[in-house]
């Protein structure tokens, strides 16, 4: 571990259309509460103020509510807000990069929960690999809900498959999945291809094709992607049954 500092981009512009009974169409997805804690807070709690130089909240839908919530938190690091120019994750990330110029950046979805993630270990892995991009992955079942990741013996990501419906017939099958945390050097974004996809695939797939994406595998992470009401209730039940882990 060295004394580098990192920029952080928290993606919190989601509308949460599939969580309408919880958002009522007016609450940003990141502010949905799970176990008396907003989704975004799970991501914030994993950040170490000693290594974070700035946190950029990439906002879009109901951005003023996100800004108001952040302003009430008395956070221990400098903060900024960015608004995407075009629809999609790529535009949200690229807008935030203007505020984290020249830094290694941690990009994090805020509608996912990663209990027991030790982010510093992922950062140490990234630094030791001397690569330009690292994806944090863990092992779960119900693979049809996730981006499944194939990793070789050198930790290079060989391929990813996003929400493959064929896994629905085998919900017990487990595998490595993306947890929504990626660590990038500035050069990584030269691989972005918005003509291929304006979502995560627009940077993940080009990096994989160029053999520039590594995986930090941590099977101790307890991971939830809170995208639907069914996933929300599964997450809530886990947190109620394991209050110490939350």
C-alpha atoms as a PDB file:
ATOM      1  CA  UNK A   1       0.000   0.000   0.000  1.00  0.00           C
ATOM      2  CA  UNK A   2       1.274   3.469  -0.887  1.00  0.00           C
ATOM      3  CA  UNK A   3       0.107   6.988  -0.087  1.00  0.00           C
ATOM      4  CA  UNK A   4      -1.787   7.616  -3.303  1.00  0.00           C
ATOM      5  CA  UNK A   5      -5.116   9.367  -3.197  1.00  0.00           C
ATOM      6  CA  UNK A   6      -8.058   8.438  -5.355  1.00  0.00           C
ATOM      7  CA  UNK A   7     -10.983  10.191  -6.941  1.00  0.00           C
ATOM      8  CA  UNK A   8     -14.371   8.567  -6.536  1.00  0.00           C
ATOM      9  CA  UNK A   9     -17.336   8.720  -8.896  1.00  0.00           C
ATOM     10  CA  UNK A  10     -20.601   7.573  -7.326  1.00  0.00           C
ATOM     11  CA  UNK A  11     -23.253   6.904  -9.956  1.00  0.00           C
ATOM     12  CA  UNK A  12     -26.528   8.029  -8.421  1.00  0.00           C
ATOM     13  CA  UNK A  13     -28.675   9.169 -11.328  1.00  0.00           C
ATOM     14  CA  UNK A  14     -30.943   6.127 -11.513  1.00  0.00           C
ATOM     15  CA  UNK A  15     -34.711   6.480 -11.636  1.00  0.00           C
ATOM     16  CA  UNK A  16     -35.582   3.083 -10.144  1.00  0.00           C
ATOM     17  CA  UNK A  17     -38.566   2.434 -12.411  1.00  0.00           C
ATOM     18  CA  UNK A  18     -38.779  -1.209 -11.253  1.00  0.00           C
ATOM     19  CA  UNK A  19     -38.941  -0.048  -7.609  1.00  0.00           C
ATOM     20  CA  UNK A  20     -41.925   2.233  -8.140  1.00  0.00           C
ATOM     21  CA  UNK A  21     -43.752   1.134  -4.982  1.00  0.00           C
ATOM     22  CA  UNK A  22     -40.734   2.395  -3.015  1.00  0.00           C
ATOM     23  CA  UNK A  23     -39.889   5.513  -5.041  1.00  0.00           C
ATOM     24  CA  UNK A  24     -43.448   6.591  -5.961  1.00  0.00           C
ATOM     25  CA  UNK A  25     -41.868   8.060  -9.065  1.00  0.00           C
ATOM     26  CA  UNK A  26     -40.307  10.958  -7.134  1.00  0.00           C
ATOM     27  CA  UNK A  27     -37.515   9.452  -5.018  1.00  0.00           C
ATOM     28  CA  UNK A  28     -34.133   8.797  -6.643  1.00  0.00           C
ATOM     29  CA  UNK A  29     -33.244   5.102  -6.571  1.00  0.00           C
ATOM     30  CA  UNK A  30     -30.087   5.771  -4.549  1.00  0.00           C
ATOM     31  CA  UNK A  31     -32.173   7.191  -1.701  1.00  0.00           C
ATOM     32  CA  UNK A  32     -34.394   4.135  -1.328  1.00  0.00           C
ATOM     33  CA  UNK A  33     -33.965   2.844   2.224  1.00  0.00           C
ATOM     34  CA  UNK A  34     -33.045  -0.772   2.893  1.00  0.00           C
ATOM     35  CA  UNK A  35     -32.966  -1.659   6.564  1.00  0.00           C
ATOM     36  CA  UNK A  36     -33.249   2.014   7.636  1.00  0.00           C
ATOM     37  CA  UNK A  37     -30.250   2.962   5.504  1.00  0.00           C
ATOM     38  CA  UNK A  38     -30.254   4.636   2.096  1.00  0.00           C
ATOM     39  CA  UNK A  39     -28.727   2.575  -0.706  1.00  0.00           C
ATOM     40  CA  UNK A  40     -26.140   5.264  -1.405  1.00  0.00           C
ATOM     41  CA  UNK A  41     -24.935   5.127   2.202  1.00  0.00           C
ATOM     42  CA  UNK A  42     -23.706   1.549   1.793  1.00  0.00           C
ATOM     43  CA  UNK A  43     -21.276   2.775  -0.880  1.00  0.00           C
ATOM     44  CA  UNK A  44     -20.207   5.844   1.060  1.00  0.00           C
ATOM     45  CA  UNK A  45     -19.398   3.863   4.189  1.00  0.00           C
ATOM     46  CA  UNK A  46     -16.757   1.895   2.309  1.00  0.00           C
ATOM     47  CA  UNK A  47     -14.685   4.989   1.489  1.00  0.00           C
ATOM     48  CA  UNK A  48     -11.642   5.866   3.569  1.00  0.00           C
ATOM     49  CA  UNK A  49     -11.246   9.666   3.942  1.00  0.00           C
ATOM     50  CA  UNK A  50      -7.473   9.161   4.232  1.00  0.00           C
ATOM     51  CA  UNK A  51      -7.211   7.902   0.645  1.00  0.00           C
ATOM     52  CA  UNK A  52     -10.092   9.742  -1.043  1.00  0.00           C
ATOM     53  CA  UNK A  53      -9.156  13.065  -2.608  1.00  0.00           C
ATOM     54  CA  UNK A  54     -12.649  13.928  -3.870  1.00  0.00           C
ATOM     55  CA  UNK A  55     -16.043  12.281  -4.279  1.00  0.00           C
ATOM     56  CA  UNK A  56     -18.096  13.239  -7.310  1.00  0.00           C
ATOM     57  CA  UNK A  57     -21.783  12.426  -7.183  1.00  0.00           C
ATOM     58  CA  UNK A  58     -22.891  11.808 -10.759  1.00  0.00           C
ATOM     59  CA  UNK A  59     -26.520  12.909 -10.644  1.00  0.00           C
ATOM     60  CA  UNK A  60     -29.366  13.002 -13.138  1.00  0.00           C
ATOM     61  CA  UNK A  61     -32.920  12.056 -12.094  1.00  0.00           C
ATOM     62  CA  UNK A  62     -34.180  14.148  -9.142  1.00  0.00           C
ATOM     63  CA  UNK A  63     -30.675  15.559  -8.766  1.00  0.00           C
ATOM     64  CA  UNK A  64     -31.715  18.232  -6.263  1.00  0.00           C
ATOM     65  CA  UNK A  65     -32.843  15.569  -3.799  1.00  0.00           C
ATOM     66  CA  UNK A  66     -29.464  13.843  -4.023  1.00  0.00           C
ATOM     67  CA  UNK A  67     -27.690  17.174  -3.533  1.00  0.00           C
ATOM     68  CA  UNK A  68     -29.850  18.021  -0.530  1.00  0.00           C
ATOM     69  CA  UNK A  69     -29.220  14.614   1.062  1.00  0.00           C
ATOM     70  CA  UNK A  70     -25.460  14.847   0.511  1.00  0.00           C
ATOM     71  CA  UNK A  71     -25.415  18.342   1.979  1.00  0.00           C
ATOM     72  CA  UNK A  72     -26.869  17.002   5.222  1.00  0.00           C
ATOM     73  CA  UNK A  73     -24.221  14.284   5.709  1.00  0.00           C
ATOM     74  CA  UNK A  74     -21.160  16.278   6.861  1.00  0.00           C
ATOM     75  CA  UNK A  75     -18.864  14.113   4.751  1.00  0.00           C
ATOM     76  CA  UNK A  76     -15.158  13.992   5.550  1.00  0.00           C
ATOM     77  CA  UNK A  77     -13.834  14.622   2.027  1.00  0.00           C
ATOM     78  CA  UNK A  78     -14.292  17.260  -0.685  1.00  0.00           C
ATOM     79  CA  UNK A  79     -17.409  16.697  -2.779  1.00  0.00           C
ATOM     80  CA  UNK A  80     -18.651  17.795  -6.187  1.00  0.00           C
ATOM     81  CA  UNK A  81     -21.642  17.058  -8.396  1.00  0.00           C
ATOM     82  CA  UNK A  82     -21.614  16.277 -12.081  1.00  0.00           C
ATOM     83  CA  UNK A  83     -24.502  16.055 -14.516  1.00  0.00           C
ATOM     84  CA  UNK A  84     -24.257  13.892 -17.599  1.00  0.00           C
ATOM     85  CA  UNK A  85     -24.525  15.464 -21.043  1.00  0.00           C
ATOM     86  CA  UNK A  86     -26.003  12.418 -22.778  1.00  0.00           C
ATOM     87  CA  UNK A  87     -28.036   9.435 -21.521  1.00  0.00           C
ATOM     88  CA  UNK A  88     -26.125   6.442 -20.174  1.00  0.00           C
ATOM     89  CA  UNK A  89     -23.403   5.475 -17.744  1.00  0.00           C
ATOM     90  CA  UNK A  90     -20.536   6.441 -20.041  1.00  0.00           C
ATOM     91  CA  UNK A  91     -21.630  10.060 -20.203  1.00  0.00           C
ATOM     92  CA  UNK A  92     -22.133  10.132 -16.421  1.00  0.00           C
ATOM     93  CA  UNK A  93     -18.608   8.834 -15.824  1.00  0.00           C
ATOM     94  CA  UNK A  94     -16.979  11.103 -18.377  1.00  0.00           C
ATOM     95  CA  UNK A  95     -18.686  14.191 -16.934  1.00  0.00           C
ATOM     96  CA  UNK A  96     -17.403  13.292 -13.483  1.00  0.00           C
ATOM     97  CA  UNK A  97     -13.843  12.821 -14.752  1.00  0.00           C
ATOM     98  CA  UNK A  98     -13.577  16.516 -15.514  1.00  0.00           C
ATOM     99  CA  UNK A  99     -13.623  17.034 -11.729  1.00  0.00           C
ATOM    100  CA  UNK A 100     -11.083  14.276 -10.957  1.00  0.00           C
ATOM    101  CA  UNK A 101      -8.488  15.093 -13.582  1.00  0.00           C
ATOM    102  CA  UNK A 102      -5.361  12.924 -13.556  1.00  0.00           C
ATOM    103  CA  UNK A 103      -6.414  10.704 -10.664  1.00  0.00           C
ATOM    104  CA  UNK A 104      -6.980   6.998 -10.411  1.00  0.00           C
ATOM    105  CA  UNK A 105     -10.746   6.842 -10.086  1.00  0.00           C
ATOM    106  CA  UNK A 106     -13.040   4.436  -8.272  1.00  0.00           C
ATOM    107  CA  UNK A 107     -16.370   4.241 -10.093  1.00  0.00           C
ATOM    108  CA  UNK A 108     -19.186   2.788  -8.044  1.00  0.00           C
ATOM    109  CA  UNK A 109     -22.870   2.074  -8.654  1.00  0.00           C
ATOM    110  CA  UNK A 110     -24.900   3.202  -5.663  1.00  0.00           C
ATOM    111  CA  UNK A 111     -27.820   0.799  -6.108  1.00  0.00           C
ATOM    112  CA  UNK A 112     -25.698  -2.198  -5.108  1.00  0.00           C
ATOM    113  CA  UNK A 113     -24.674  -3.389  -1.644  1.00  0.00           C
ATOM    114  CA  UNK A 114     -21.290  -5.001  -0.991  1.00  0.00           C
ATOM    115  CA  UNK A 115     -21.104  -6.000   2.647  1.00  0.00           C
ATOM    116  CA  UNK A 116     -17.613  -6.958   3.895  1.00  0.00           C
ATOM    117  CA  UNK A 117     -15.860  -5.419   0.886  1.00  0.00           C
ATOM    118  CA  UNK A 118     -12.402  -4.206   1.958  1.00  0.00           C
ATOM    119  CA  UNK A 119     -11.856  -1.588  -0.719  1.00  0.00           C
ATOM    120  CA  UNK A 120      -8.235  -0.935   0.226  1.00  0.00           C
ATOM    121  CA  UNK A 121      -7.331  -4.520  -0.666  1.00  0.00           C
ATOM    122  CA  UNK A 122      -8.873  -4.015  -4.100  1.00  0.00           C
ATOM    123  CA  UNK A 123      -6.862  -0.808  -4.521  1.00  0.00           C
ATOM    124  CA  UNK A 124      -3.668  -2.597  -3.459  1.00  0.00           C
ATOM    125  CA  UNK A 125      -4.374  -5.322  -6.028  1.00  0.00           C
ATOM    126  CA  UNK A 126      -4.923  -2.684  -8.731  1.00  0.00           C
ATOM    127  CA  UNK A 127      -1.657  -0.914  -7.923  1.00  0.00           C
ATOM    128  CA  UNK A 128       0.308  -4.165  -7.835  1.00  0.00           C
ATOM    129  CA  UNK A 129      -1.084  -5.273 -11.206  1.00  0.00           C
ATOM    130  CA  UNK A 130       0.228  -2.125 -12.944  1.00  0.00           C
ATOM    131  CA  UNK A 131      -2.856  -2.323 -15.157  1.00  0.00           C
ATOM    132  CA  UNK A 132      -5.274   0.376 -16.202  1.00  0.00           C
ATOM    133  CA  UNK A 133      -8.548  -1.155 -15.025  1.00  0.00           C
ATOM    134  CA  UNK A 134      -9.723  -3.482 -12.266  1.00  0.00           C
ATOM    135  CA  UNK A 135     -13.199  -4.873 -11.657  1.00  0.00           C
ATOM    136  CA  UNK A 136     -14.227  -6.032  -8.171  1.00  0.00           C
ATOM    137  CA  UNK A 137     -15.999  -9.387  -8.444  1.00  0.00           C
ATOM    138  CA  UNK A 138     -17.480 -11.939  -6.078  1.00  0.00           C
ATOM    139  CA  UNK A 139     -19.311 -15.250  -6.303  1.00  0.00           C
ATOM    140  CA  UNK A 140     -23.111 -15.494  -6.176  1.00  0.00           C
ATOM    141  CA  UNK A 141     -26.027 -17.536  -7.518  1.00  0.00           C
ATOM    142  CA  UNK A 142     -29.000 -16.368  -9.638  1.00  0.00           C
ATOM    143  CA  UNK A 143     -26.600 -15.447 -12.406  1.00  0.00           C
ATOM    144  CA  UNK A 144     -29.362 -14.216 -14.720  1.00  0.00           C
ATOM    145  CA  UNK A 145     -29.476 -11.048 -12.587  1.00  0.00           C
ATOM    146  CA  UNK A 146     -25.831 -10.121 -13.028  1.00  0.00           C
ATOM    147  CA  UNK A 147     -22.870  -9.567 -15.325  1.00  0.00           C
ATOM    148  CA  UNK A 148     -21.099 -12.922 -15.163  1.00  0.00           C
ATOM    149  CA  UNK A 149     -17.316 -12.692 -15.422  1.00  0.00           C
ATOM    150  CA  UNK A 150     -14.836 -15.260 -16.743  1.00  0.00           C
ATOM    151  CA  UNK A 151     -11.343 -14.786 -15.298  1.00  0.00           C
ATOM    152  CA  UNK A 152      -8.097 -16.494 -16.330  1.00  0.00           C
ATOM    153  CA  UNK A 153      -5.204 -17.581 -14.108  1.00  0.00           C
ATOM    154  CA  UNK A 154      -3.503 -14.172 -14.484  1.00  0.00           C
ATOM    155  CA  UNK A 155      -6.639 -12.361 -13.222  1.00  0.00           C
ATOM    156  CA  UNK A 156      -7.400 -11.021 -16.697  1.00  0.00           C
ATOM    157  CA  UNK A 157     -11.096 -10.833 -17.508  1.00  0.00           C
ATOM    158  CA  UNK A 158     -11.606 -13.060 -20.550  1.00  0.00           C
ATOM    159  CA  UNK A 159     -15.296 -12.322 -21.119  1.00  0.00           C
ATOM    160  CA  UNK A 160     -18.463 -11.032 -19.489  1.00  0.00           C
ATOM    161  CA  UNK A 161     -22.093 -11.929 -20.070  1.00  0.00           C
ATOM    162  CA  UNK A 162     -24.824  -9.543 -18.968  1.00  0.00           C
ATOM    163  CA  UNK A 163     -28.036 -10.980 -17.455  1.00  0.00           C
ATOM    164  CA  UNK A 164     -28.081 -14.129 -19.542  1.00  0.00           C
ATOM    165  CA  UNK A 165     -31.659 -15.454 -19.374  1.00  0.00           C
ATOM    166  CA  UNK A 166     -30.462 -19.030 -19.850  1.00  0.00           C
ATOM    167  CA  UNK A 167     -29.363 -19.051 -16.200  1.00  0.00           C
ATOM    168  CA  UNK A 168     -32.991 -18.733 -15.057  1.00  0.00           C
ATOM    169  CA  UNK A 169     -33.442 -22.482 -15.366  1.00  0.00           C
ATOM    170  CA  UNK A 170     -30.527 -23.032 -12.976  1.00  0.00           C
ATOM    171  CA  UNK A 171     -30.960 -20.443 -10.188  1.00  0.00           C
ATOM    172  CA  UNK A 172     -28.697 -22.451  -7.872  1.00  0.00           C
ATOM    173  CA  UNK A 173     -25.721 -22.187 -10.237  1.00  0.00           C
ATOM    174  CA  UNK A 174     -23.055 -19.811  -8.932  1.00  0.00           C
ATOM    175  CA  UNK A 175     -20.250 -17.911 -10.581  1.00  0.00           C
ATOM    176  CA  UNK A 176     -18.179 -14.741 -10.495  1.00  0.00           C
ATOM    177  CA  UNK A 177     -20.063 -11.491 -11.082  1.00  0.00           C
ATOM    178  CA  UNK A 178     -19.313  -7.798 -11.330  1.00  0.00           C
ATOM    179  CA  UNK A 179     -20.192  -5.986  -8.080  1.00  0.00           C
ATOM    180  CA  UNK A 180     -20.457  -2.541  -9.649  1.00  0.00           C
ATOM    181  CA  UNK A 181     -17.069  -1.273  -8.463  1.00  0.00           C
ATOM    182  CA  UNK A 182     -14.363  -0.551 -11.038  1.00  0.00           C
ATOM    183  CA  UNK A 183     -10.976   1.086 -10.535  1.00  0.00           C
ATOM    184  CA  UNK A 184      -9.607   2.967 -13.532  1.00  0.00           C
ATOM    185  CA  UNK A 185      -6.522   4.836 -14.583  1.00  0.00           C
ATOM    186  CA  UNK A 186      -7.300   7.859 -16.795  1.00  0.00           C
ATOM    187  CA  UNK A 187      -6.019   6.007 -19.873  1.00  0.00           C
ATOM    188  CA  UNK A 188      -8.752   3.397 -19.475  1.00  0.00           C
ATOM    189  CA  UNK A 189     -11.371   5.778 -20.782  1.00  0.00           C
ATOM    190  CA  UNK A 190      -9.709   5.988 -24.181  1.00  0.00           C
ATOM    191  CA  UNK A 191     -11.268   2.558 -24.705  1.00  0.00           C
ATOM    192  CA  UNK A 192     -14.824   3.867 -24.296  1.00  0.00           C
ATOM    193  CA  UNK A 193     -17.067   3.141 -27.262  1.00  0.00           C
ATOM    194  CA  UNK A 194     -20.475   4.835 -26.966  1.00  0.00           C
ATOM    195  CA  UNK A 195     -21.351   3.656 -30.476  1.00  0.00           C
ATOM    196  CA  UNK A 196     -21.217   0.100 -29.096  1.00  0.00           C
ATOM    197  CA  UNK A 197     -23.086   0.862 -25.874  1.00  0.00           C
ATOM    198  CA  UNK A 198     -23.790   3.943 -23.747  1.00  0.00           C
ATOM    199  CA  UNK A 199     -23.989   1.684 -20.687  1.00  0.00           C
ATOM    200  CA  UNK A 200     -21.316  -0.226 -18.792  1.00  0.00           C
ATOM    201  CA  UNK A 201     -20.733  -2.511 -21.780  1.00  0.00           C
ATOM    202  CA  UNK A 202     -19.363   0.494 -23.681  1.00  0.00           C
ATOM    203  CA  UNK A 203     -16.233   0.465 -21.543  1.00  0.00           C
ATOM    204  CA  UNK A 204     -16.125  -3.058 -20.102  1.00  0.00           C
ATOM    205  CA  UNK A 205     -16.310  -4.936 -23.398  1.00  0.00           C
ATOM    206  CA  UNK A 206     -13.641  -2.847 -25.199  1.00  0.00           C
ATOM    207  CA  UNK A 207     -11.294  -3.243 -22.211  1.00  0.00           C
ATOM    208  CA  UNK A 208     -11.863  -7.006 -22.206  1.00  0.00           C
ATOM    209  CA  UNK A 209     -11.232  -7.199 -25.958  1.00  0.00           C
ATOM    210  CA  UNK A 210      -7.964  -5.301 -25.481  1.00  0.00           C
ATOM    211  CA  UNK A 211      -6.952  -7.519 -22.517  1.00  0.00           C
ATOM    212  CA  UNK A 212      -6.813  -4.472 -20.277  1.00  0.00           C
ATOM    213  CA  UNK A 213      -9.302  -5.416 -17.553  1.00  0.00           C
ATOM    214  CA  UNK A 214      -8.329  -7.400 -14.473  1.00  0.00           C
ATOM    215  CA  UNK A 215     -10.526  -8.875 -11.775  1.00  0.00           C
ATOM    216  CA  UNK A 216     -10.031  -8.534  -8.055  1.00  0.00           C
ATOM    217  CA  UNK A 217     -11.855 -11.578  -6.703  1.00  0.00           C
ATOM    218  CA  UNK A 218     -13.200 -11.400  -3.150  1.00  0.00           C
ATOM    219  CA  UNK A 219     -15.608 -14.217  -2.342  1.00  0.00           C
ATOM    220  CA  UNK A 220     -16.162 -12.851   1.187  1.00  0.00           C
ATOM    221  CA  UNK A 221     -18.277 -10.004  -0.173  1.00  0.00           C
ATOM    222  CA  UNK A 222     -21.992 -10.356   0.563  1.00  0.00           C
ATOM    223  CA  UNK A 223     -23.442  -8.804  -2.560  1.00  0.00           C
ATOM    224  CA  UNK A 224     -26.905  -7.565  -3.520  1.00  0.00           C
ATOM    225  CA  UNK A 225     -27.997  -5.774  -6.677  1.00  0.00           C
ATOM    226  CA  UNK A 226     -31.173  -3.974  -5.639  1.00  0.00           C
ATOM    227  CA  UNK A 227     -32.812  -3.565  -9.022  1.00  0.00           C
ATOM    228  CA  UNK A 228     -36.286  -5.022  -8.548  1.00  0.00           C
ATOM    229  CA  UNK A 229     -38.796  -5.328  -5.737  1.00  0.00           C
ATOM    230  CA  UNK A 230     -37.999  -9.035  -5.366  1.00  0.00           C
ATOM    231  CA  UNK A 231     -34.294  -8.229  -4.962  1.00  0.00           C
ATOM    232  CA  UNK A 232     -35.147  -5.440  -2.525  1.00  0.00           C
ATOM    233  CA  UNK A 233     -37.109  -7.791  -0.267  1.00  0.00           C
ATOM    234  CA  UNK A 234     -34.403 -10.465  -0.430  1.00  0.00           C
ATOM    235  CA  UNK A 235     -31.846  -7.874   0.633  1.00  0.00           C
ATOM    236  CA  UNK A 236     -34.065  -6.582   3.422  1.00  0.00           C
ATOM    237  CA  UNK A 237     -34.584 -10.098   4.803  1.00  0.00           C
ATOM    238  CA  UNK A 238     -30.833 -10.698   4.860  1.00  0.00           C
ATOM    239  CA  UNK A 239     -30.144  -7.428   6.682  1.00  0.00           C
ATOM    240  CA  UNK A 240     -32.852  -8.174   9.247  1.00  0.00           C
ATOM    241  CA  UNK A 241     -31.401 -11.625   9.862  1.00  0.00           C
ATOM    242  CA  UNK A 242     -27.758 -10.439   9.946  1.00  0.00           C
ATOM    243  CA  UNK A 243     -27.838  -6.977  11.574  1.00  0.00           C
ATOM    244  CA  UNK A 244     -24.152  -7.138  12.514  1.00  0.00           C
ATOM    245  CA  UNK A 245     -23.131  -7.514   8.881  1.00  0.00           C
ATOM    246  CA  UNK A 246     -24.945  -4.370   7.791  1.00  0.00           C
END
